[in-house]
């Protein structure tokens, strides 16, 4: 288990906060044992929470051009046909994964291929499970073409997630299972597949990025 690079600054600030808080408590309230222990417990909680949030577990990715890997850890909260209005302008099969603050927040490419489209959208911070968050919240949209089929996936900020990080750009070649981004403190990732695609998950399933198979590539769709 290692710490993701996106966590270095946040963890450093957390350590500084804990150091200052404990120094002030020791100086002004060293005789108040109840307050002192409360500060110790709070400090431990802050540091443990930051370390677990930015953890980067080692994973063995099995690449397969016939499948679509899950892009994030979390829970499947949406599987439905919907109108995709930004890029495809037609109906697609949407699968959404909600990431809670306790999940690993690394985002991984669901397929290998060429990035045909990428765009960052500033926006609001509605709760990630709100259906309107897909079009109103801060988000990124990425489209990767693989074997003649285009797969769209979207990072969506939530009420707690106030920073989306991405590592891809148009024209770039990406490999299935490698990192394409990171979202801090709870959020969602949507994947849009062609209508008729075979889905390998169901609502409520707990999934792992780069490990769980979302569905299969259907070249006849």
C-alpha atoms as a PDB file:
ATOM      1  CA  UNK A   1       0.000   0.000   0.000  1.00  0.00           C
ATOM      2  CA  UNK A   2       1.346   3.399  -1.000  1.00  0.00           C
ATOM      3  CA  UNK A   3       0.081   6.992  -0.877  1.00  0.00           C
ATOM      4  CA  UNK A   4      -1.130   8.546  -4.115  1.00  0.00           C
ATOM      5  CA  UNK A   5       0.757  11.608  -5.357  1.00  0.00           C
ATOM      6  CA  UNK A   6      -2.437  13.701  -5.174  1.00  0.00           C
ATOM      7  CA  UNK A   7      -2.395  13.267  -1.409  1.00  0.00           C
ATOM      8  CA  UNK A   8       1.053  14.677  -0.639  1.00  0.00           C
ATOM      9  CA  UNK A   9      -0.065  18.298  -0.207  1.00  0.00           C
ATOM     10  CA  UNK A  10      -3.269  17.446   1.670  1.00  0.00           C
ATOM     11  CA  UNK A  11      -1.435  15.132   4.068  1.00  0.00           C
ATOM     12  CA  UNK A  12       1.299  17.721   4.662  1.00  0.00           C
ATOM     13  CA  UNK A  13      -1.352  20.334   5.487  1.00  0.00           C
ATOM     14  CA  UNK A  14      -3.079  17.819   7.748  1.00  0.00           C
ATOM     15  CA  UNK A  15       0.153  17.151   9.644  1.00  0.00           C
ATOM     16  CA  UNK A  16       0.726  20.903  10.012  1.00  0.00           C
ATOM     17  CA  UNK A  17      -2.831  21.402  11.291  1.00  0.00           C
ATOM     18  CA  UNK A  18      -2.412  18.591  13.841  1.00  0.00           C
ATOM     19  CA  UNK A  19       0.966  19.946  14.991  1.00  0.00           C
ATOM     20  CA  UNK A  20      -0.371  23.484  15.518  1.00  0.00           C
ATOM     21  CA  UNK A  21      -3.560  22.240  17.212  1.00  0.00           C
ATOM     22  CA  UNK A  22      -1.624  20.037  19.620  1.00  0.00           C
ATOM     23  CA  UNK A  23       0.919  22.777  20.357  1.00  0.00           C
ATOM     24  CA  UNK A  24      -1.833  25.276  21.207  1.00  0.00           C
ATOM     25  CA  UNK A  25      -3.643  22.709  23.352  1.00  0.00           C
ATOM     26  CA  UNK A  26      -0.457  21.787  25.218  1.00  0.00           C
ATOM     27  CA  UNK A  27       0.384  25.447  25.858  1.00  0.00           C
ATOM     28  CA  UNK A  28      -3.028  26.721  26.930  1.00  0.00           C
ATOM     29  CA  UNK A  29      -4.860  23.653  28.276  1.00  0.00           C
ATOM     30  CA  UNK A  30      -2.271  21.137  29.411  1.00  0.00           C
ATOM     31  CA  UNK A  31      -4.028  20.735  32.774  1.00  0.00           C
ATOM     32  CA  UNK A  32      -7.361  19.897  31.149  1.00  0.00           C
ATOM     33  CA  UNK A  33      -6.927  16.165  30.562  1.00  0.00           C
ATOM     34  CA  UNK A  34     -10.355  15.724  28.965  1.00  0.00           C
ATOM     35  CA  UNK A  35      -9.709  18.431  26.362  1.00  0.00           C
ATOM     36  CA  UNK A  36      -6.169  17.187  25.745  1.00  0.00           C
ATOM     37  CA  UNK A  37      -7.305  13.628  25.022  1.00  0.00           C
ATOM     38  CA  UNK A  38     -10.132  14.915  22.823  1.00  0.00           C
ATOM     39  CA  UNK A  39      -7.568  16.817  20.737  1.00  0.00           C
ATOM     40  CA  UNK A  40      -5.340  13.719  20.541  1.00  0.00           C
ATOM     41  CA  UNK A  41      -8.257  11.624  19.307  1.00  0.00           C
ATOM     42  CA  UNK A  42      -9.270  14.272  16.763  1.00  0.00           C
ATOM     43  CA  UNK A  43      -5.679  14.502  15.527  1.00  0.00           C
ATOM     44  CA  UNK A  44      -5.425  10.749  15.078  1.00  0.00           C
ATOM     45  CA  UNK A  45      -8.746  10.677  13.226  1.00  0.00           C
ATOM     46  CA  UNK A  46      -7.674  13.445  10.821  1.00  0.00           C
ATOM     47  CA  UNK A  47      -4.387  11.742   9.967  1.00  0.00           C
ATOM     48  CA  UNK A  48      -5.892   8.265   9.586  1.00  0.00           C
ATOM     49  CA  UNK A  49      -8.726   9.628   7.416  1.00  0.00           C
ATOM     50  CA  UNK A  50      -6.277  11.399   5.107  1.00  0.00           C
ATOM     51  CA  UNK A  51      -4.009   8.371   4.801  1.00  0.00           C
ATOM     52  CA  UNK A  52      -6.864   5.987   3.993  1.00  0.00           C
ATOM     53  CA  UNK A  53      -8.439   8.391   1.507  1.00  0.00           C
ATOM     54  CA  UNK A  54      -5.253   8.866  -0.496  1.00  0.00           C
ATOM     55  CA  UNK A  55      -4.162   5.252  -0.343  1.00  0.00           C
ATOM     56  CA  UNK A  56      -3.069   3.700  -3.622  1.00  0.00           C
ATOM     57  CA  UNK A  57      -3.354  -0.089  -3.365  1.00  0.00           C
ATOM     58  CA  UNK A  58      -1.278  -2.185  -5.733  1.00  0.00           C
ATOM     59  CA  UNK A  59      -3.497  -3.903  -8.291  1.00  0.00           C
ATOM     60  CA  UNK A  60      -2.806  -6.387 -11.042  1.00  0.00           C
ATOM     61  CA  UNK A  61      -4.737  -5.242 -14.114  1.00  0.00           C
ATOM     62  CA  UNK A  62      -5.721  -7.873 -16.659  1.00  0.00           C
ATOM     63  CA  UNK A  63      -6.221  -6.112 -19.979  1.00  0.00           C
ATOM     64  CA  UNK A  64      -8.768  -7.517 -22.421  1.00  0.00           C
ATOM     65  CA  UNK A  65      -9.916  -5.664 -25.544  1.00  0.00           C
ATOM     66  CA  UNK A  66     -13.294  -7.422 -25.369  1.00  0.00           C
ATOM     67  CA  UNK A  67     -14.318  -6.063 -21.969  1.00  0.00           C
ATOM     68  CA  UNK A  68     -14.988  -2.723 -20.260  1.00  0.00           C
ATOM     69  CA  UNK A  69     -13.310  -2.393 -16.884  1.00  0.00           C
ATOM     70  CA  UNK A  70     -14.822  -0.388 -14.043  1.00  0.00           C
ATOM     71  CA  UNK A  71     -13.173   3.058 -13.866  1.00  0.00           C
ATOM     72  CA  UNK A  72     -13.544   3.543 -10.091  1.00  0.00           C
ATOM     73  CA  UNK A  73     -14.088   1.924  -6.720  1.00  0.00           C
ATOM     74  CA  UNK A  74     -17.539   2.321  -5.230  1.00  0.00           C
ATOM     75  CA  UNK A  75     -21.138   1.248  -5.687  1.00  0.00           C
ATOM     76  CA  UNK A  76     -23.226   0.941  -8.859  1.00  0.00           C
ATOM     77  CA  UNK A  77     -26.091   3.418  -8.442  1.00  0.00           C
ATOM     78  CA  UNK A  78     -27.416   3.793 -12.018  1.00  0.00           C
ATOM     79  CA  UNK A  79     -27.929   1.403 -14.920  1.00  0.00           C
ATOM     80  CA  UNK A  80     -30.321   2.928 -17.438  1.00  0.00           C
ATOM     81  CA  UNK A  81     -30.833   4.157 -20.982  1.00  0.00           C
ATOM     82  CA  UNK A  82     -30.522   7.931 -21.193  1.00  0.00           C
ATOM     83  CA  UNK A  83     -29.942  10.773 -23.628  1.00  0.00           C
ATOM     84  CA  UNK A  84     -26.258  11.752 -23.814  1.00  0.00           C
ATOM     85  CA  UNK A  85     -26.353  15.378 -24.941  1.00  0.00           C
ATOM     86  CA  UNK A  86     -22.739  16.536 -24.852  1.00  0.00           C
ATOM     87  CA  UNK A  87     -20.987  14.327 -27.399  1.00  0.00           C
ATOM     88  CA  UNK A  88     -23.120  11.546 -28.881  1.00  0.00           C
ATOM     89  CA  UNK A  89     -26.411  13.460 -29.059  1.00  0.00           C
ATOM     90  CA  UNK A  90     -28.323  10.187 -28.876  1.00  0.00           C
ATOM     91  CA  UNK A  91     -29.419   7.528 -26.418  1.00  0.00           C
ATOM     92  CA  UNK A  92     -26.788   5.523 -24.568  1.00  0.00           C
ATOM     93  CA  UNK A  93     -26.614   3.005 -21.747  1.00  0.00           C
ATOM     94  CA  UNK A  94     -25.406   4.789 -18.621  1.00  0.00           C
ATOM     95  CA  UNK A  95     -23.665   3.033 -15.718  1.00  0.00           C
ATOM     96  CA  UNK A  96     -22.803   5.218 -12.713  1.00  0.00           C
ATOM     97  CA  UNK A  97     -20.451   4.418  -9.843  1.00  0.00           C
ATOM     98  CA  UNK A  98     -20.734   6.420  -6.616  1.00  0.00           C
ATOM     99  CA  UNK A  99     -17.529   6.836  -4.603  1.00  0.00           C
ATOM    100  CA  UNK A 100     -17.890   7.513  -0.889  1.00  0.00           C
ATOM    101  CA  UNK A 101     -15.094   9.198   1.099  1.00  0.00           C
ATOM    102  CA  UNK A 102     -13.854   5.770   2.270  1.00  0.00           C
ATOM    103  CA  UNK A 103     -13.321   4.441  -1.268  1.00  0.00           C
ATOM    104  CA  UNK A 104     -10.089   4.563  -3.248  1.00  0.00           C
ATOM    105  CA  UNK A 105     -10.497   7.626  -5.485  1.00  0.00           C
ATOM    106  CA  UNK A 106      -8.163   6.749  -8.344  1.00  0.00           C
ATOM    107  CA  UNK A 107      -9.933   6.751 -11.731  1.00  0.00           C
ATOM    108  CA  UNK A 108      -8.827   4.220 -14.365  1.00  0.00           C
ATOM    109  CA  UNK A 109      -9.325   3.943 -18.115  1.00  0.00           C
ATOM    110  CA  UNK A 110     -12.104   1.398 -18.792  1.00  0.00           C
ATOM    111  CA  UNK A 111     -10.720   0.580 -22.255  1.00  0.00           C
ATOM    112  CA  UNK A 112      -7.562   1.016 -24.307  1.00  0.00           C
ATOM    113  CA  UNK A 113      -7.611   3.304 -27.324  1.00  0.00           C
ATOM    114  CA  UNK A 114      -7.304   6.873 -28.583  1.00  0.00           C
ATOM    115  CA  UNK A 115      -8.781   9.844 -26.706  1.00  0.00           C
ATOM    116  CA  UNK A 116     -11.096  11.356 -29.311  1.00  0.00           C
ATOM    117  CA  UNK A 117     -12.616  14.030 -27.074  1.00  0.00           C
ATOM    118  CA  UNK A 118     -11.881  15.650 -23.732  1.00  0.00           C
ATOM    119  CA  UNK A 119     -13.465  18.627 -22.004  1.00  0.00           C
ATOM    120  CA  UNK A 120     -13.478  20.098 -18.507  1.00  0.00           C
ATOM    121  CA  UNK A 121     -16.694  21.770 -17.302  1.00  0.00           C
ATOM    122  CA  UNK A 122     -16.781  24.055 -14.248  1.00  0.00           C
ATOM    123  CA  UNK A 123     -20.045  23.765 -12.374  1.00  0.00           C
ATOM    124  CA  UNK A 124     -21.989  23.264  -9.158  1.00  0.00           C
ATOM    125  CA  UNK A 125     -21.467  20.790  -6.308  1.00  0.00           C
ATOM    126  CA  UNK A 126     -24.789  18.997  -5.980  1.00  0.00           C
ATOM    127  CA  UNK A 127     -24.870  15.662  -4.173  1.00  0.00           C
ATOM    128  CA  UNK A 128     -23.253  13.085  -6.481  1.00  0.00           C
ATOM    129  CA  UNK A 129     -26.359  10.863  -6.513  1.00  0.00           C
ATOM    130  CA  UNK A 130     -28.542  13.726  -7.763  1.00  0.00           C
ATOM    131  CA  UNK A 131     -29.443  12.971 -11.426  1.00  0.00           C
ATOM    132  CA  UNK A 132     -28.803  16.629 -12.345  1.00  0.00           C
ATOM    133  CA  UNK A 133     -25.193  16.365 -11.150  1.00  0.00           C
ATOM    134  CA  UNK A 134     -24.274  14.728 -14.488  1.00  0.00           C
ATOM    135  CA  UNK A 135     -24.938  17.979 -16.340  1.00  0.00           C
ATOM    136  CA  UNK A 136     -24.722  20.712 -13.676  1.00  0.00           C
ATOM    137  CA  UNK A 137     -21.754  19.769 -11.477  1.00  0.00           C
ATOM    138  CA  UNK A 138     -18.065  20.348 -12.089  1.00  0.00           C
ATOM    139  CA  UNK A 139     -17.002  17.482 -14.333  1.00  0.00           C
ATOM    140  CA  UNK A 140     -14.775  16.182 -17.095  1.00  0.00           C
ATOM    141  CA  UNK A 141     -15.866  14.221 -20.156  1.00  0.00           C
ATOM    142  CA  UNK A 142     -13.545  11.803 -21.956  1.00  0.00           C
ATOM    143  CA  UNK A 143     -14.290   9.731 -25.054  1.00  0.00           C
ATOM    144  CA  UNK A 144     -11.983   6.868 -26.012  1.00  0.00           C
ATOM    145  CA  UNK A 145     -12.289   5.025 -29.317  1.00  0.00           C
ATOM    146  CA  UNK A 146     -11.481   1.333 -29.103  1.00  0.00           C
ATOM    147  CA  UNK A 147     -11.830  -1.074 -32.031  1.00  0.00           C
ATOM    148  CA  UNK A 148     -14.181   1.336 -33.821  1.00  0.00           C
ATOM    149  CA  UNK A 149     -16.446   1.871 -30.792  1.00  0.00           C
ATOM    150  CA  UNK A 150     -16.495   5.044 -28.695  1.00  0.00           C
ATOM    151  CA  UNK A 151     -16.846   4.805 -24.903  1.00  0.00           C
ATOM    152  CA  UNK A 152     -17.599   7.975 -22.927  1.00  0.00           C
ATOM    153  CA  UNK A 153     -16.767   8.323 -19.236  1.00  0.00           C
ATOM    154  CA  UNK A 154     -17.295  11.325 -17.007  1.00  0.00           C
ATOM    155  CA  UNK A 155     -15.803  12.409 -13.690  1.00  0.00           C
ATOM    156  CA  UNK A 156     -18.389  14.266 -11.602  1.00  0.00           C
ATOM    157  CA  UNK A 157     -17.652  16.303  -8.475  1.00  0.00           C
ATOM    158  CA  UNK A 158     -19.969  15.893  -5.503  1.00  0.00           C
ATOM    159  CA  UNK A 159     -20.909  18.016  -2.499  1.00  0.00           C
ATOM    160  CA  UNK A 160     -17.588  17.181  -0.811  1.00  0.00           C
ATOM    161  CA  UNK A 161     -15.408  16.767  -3.902  1.00  0.00           C
ATOM    162  CA  UNK A 162     -13.969  20.168  -4.743  1.00  0.00           C
ATOM    163  CA  UNK A 163     -11.151  19.166  -7.028  1.00  0.00           C
ATOM    164  CA  UNK A 164     -11.079  16.950 -10.095  1.00  0.00           C
ATOM    165  CA  UNK A 165      -7.703  15.921 -11.480  1.00  0.00           C
ATOM    166  CA  UNK A 166      -7.153  14.427 -14.932  1.00  0.00           C
ATOM    167  CA  UNK A 167      -4.139  13.095 -16.823  1.00  0.00           C
ATOM    168  CA  UNK A 168      -5.487  12.722 -20.372  1.00  0.00           C
ATOM    169  CA  UNK A 169      -5.797  14.925 -23.451  1.00  0.00           C
ATOM    170  CA  UNK A 170      -7.224  14.598 -26.956  1.00  0.00           C
ATOM    171  CA  UNK A 171      -5.156  12.474 -29.311  1.00  0.00           C
ATOM    172  CA  UNK A 172      -3.448  10.579 -26.511  1.00  0.00           C
ATOM    173  CA  UNK A 173      -3.221   6.774 -26.542  1.00  0.00           C
ATOM    174  CA  UNK A 174      -4.372   5.261 -23.243  1.00  0.00           C
ATOM    175  CA  UNK A 175      -4.098   1.761 -21.830  1.00  0.00           C
ATOM    176  CA  UNK A 176      -6.925  -0.068 -20.118  1.00  0.00           C
ATOM    177  CA  UNK A 177      -6.650   0.038 -16.326  1.00  0.00           C
ATOM    178  CA  UNK A 178      -4.114   2.875 -16.153  1.00  0.00           C
ATOM    179  CA  UNK A 179      -4.945   6.054 -14.257  1.00  0.00           C
ATOM    180  CA  UNK A 180      -6.753   8.833 -16.082  1.00  0.00           C
ATOM    181  CA  UNK A 181      -7.599  10.959 -13.051  1.00  0.00           C
ATOM    182  CA  UNK A 182      -8.427  11.411  -9.387  1.00  0.00           C
ATOM    183  CA  UNK A 183     -11.367  13.017  -7.556  1.00  0.00           C
ATOM    184  CA  UNK A 184     -11.008  14.235  -3.982  1.00  0.00           C
ATOM    185  CA  UNK A 185     -13.483  13.486  -1.195  1.00  0.00           C
ATOM    186  CA  UNK A 186     -16.506  11.624  -2.569  1.00  0.00           C
ATOM    187  CA  UNK A 187     -17.969  11.801  -6.051  1.00  0.00           C
ATOM    188  CA  UNK A 188     -19.145   9.804  -9.071  1.00  0.00           C
ATOM    189  CA  UNK A 189     -18.036   8.404 -12.420  1.00  0.00           C
ATOM    190  CA  UNK A 190     -20.498   7.791 -15.288  1.00  0.00           C
ATOM    191  CA  UNK A 191     -19.787   5.454 -18.205  1.00  0.00           C
ATOM    192  CA  UNK A 192     -21.840   5.609 -21.420  1.00  0.00           C
ATOM    193  CA  UNK A 193     -22.011   2.503 -23.623  1.00  0.00           C
ATOM    194  CA  UNK A 194     -23.823   1.812 -26.912  1.00  0.00           C
ATOM    195  CA  UNK A 195     -27.421   0.655 -26.497  1.00  0.00           C
ATOM    196  CA  UNK A 196     -27.478  -3.129 -26.531  1.00  0.00           C
ATOM    197  CA  UNK A 197     -24.128  -3.556 -24.771  1.00  0.00           C
ATOM    198  CA  UNK A 198     -23.914  -6.523 -22.431  1.00  0.00           C
ATOM    199  CA  UNK A 199     -23.725  -5.382 -18.791  1.00  0.00           C
ATOM    200  CA  UNK A 200     -21.935  -7.548 -16.222  1.00  0.00           C
ATOM    201  CA  UNK A 201     -22.969  -5.656 -13.058  1.00  0.00           C
ATOM    202  CA  UNK A 202     -26.257  -4.843 -11.346  1.00  0.00           C
ATOM    203  CA  UNK A 203     -27.566  -2.042  -9.151  1.00  0.00           C
ATOM    204  CA  UNK A 204     -26.043  -2.045  -5.686  1.00  0.00           C
ATOM    205  CA  UNK A 205     -22.926  -3.993  -6.661  1.00  0.00           C
ATOM    206  CA  UNK A 206     -19.699  -2.944  -4.976  1.00  0.00           C
ATOM    207  CA  UNK A 207     -17.022  -2.559  -7.632  1.00  0.00           C
ATOM    208  CA  UNK A 208     -13.260  -1.993  -7.891  1.00  0.00           C
ATOM    209  CA  UNK A 209     -11.536   0.192 -10.452  1.00  0.00           C
ATOM    210  CA  UNK A 210      -9.463  -1.771 -12.925  1.00  0.00           C
ATOM    211  CA  UNK A 211     -10.712  -5.081 -11.527  1.00  0.00           C
ATOM    212  CA  UNK A 212     -14.493  -5.358 -11.899  1.00  0.00           C
ATOM    213  CA  UNK A 213     -15.826  -5.948 -15.416  1.00  0.00           C
ATOM    214  CA  UNK A 214     -18.671  -3.543 -16.251  1.00  0.00           C
ATOM    215  CA  UNK A 215     -19.607  -5.113 -19.583  1.00  0.00           C
ATOM    216  CA  UNK A 216     -18.446  -6.395 -22.932  1.00  0.00           C
ATOM    217  CA  UNK A 217     -17.521  -4.701 -26.180  1.00  0.00           C
ATOM    218  CA  UNK A 218     -20.104  -5.595 -28.810  1.00  0.00           C
ATOM    219  CA  UNK A 219     -18.833  -4.795 -32.295  1.00  0.00           C
ATOM    220  CA  UNK A 220     -22.254  -5.511 -33.759  1.00  0.00           C
ATOM    221  CA  UNK A 221     -23.942  -2.711 -31.794  1.00  0.00           C
END
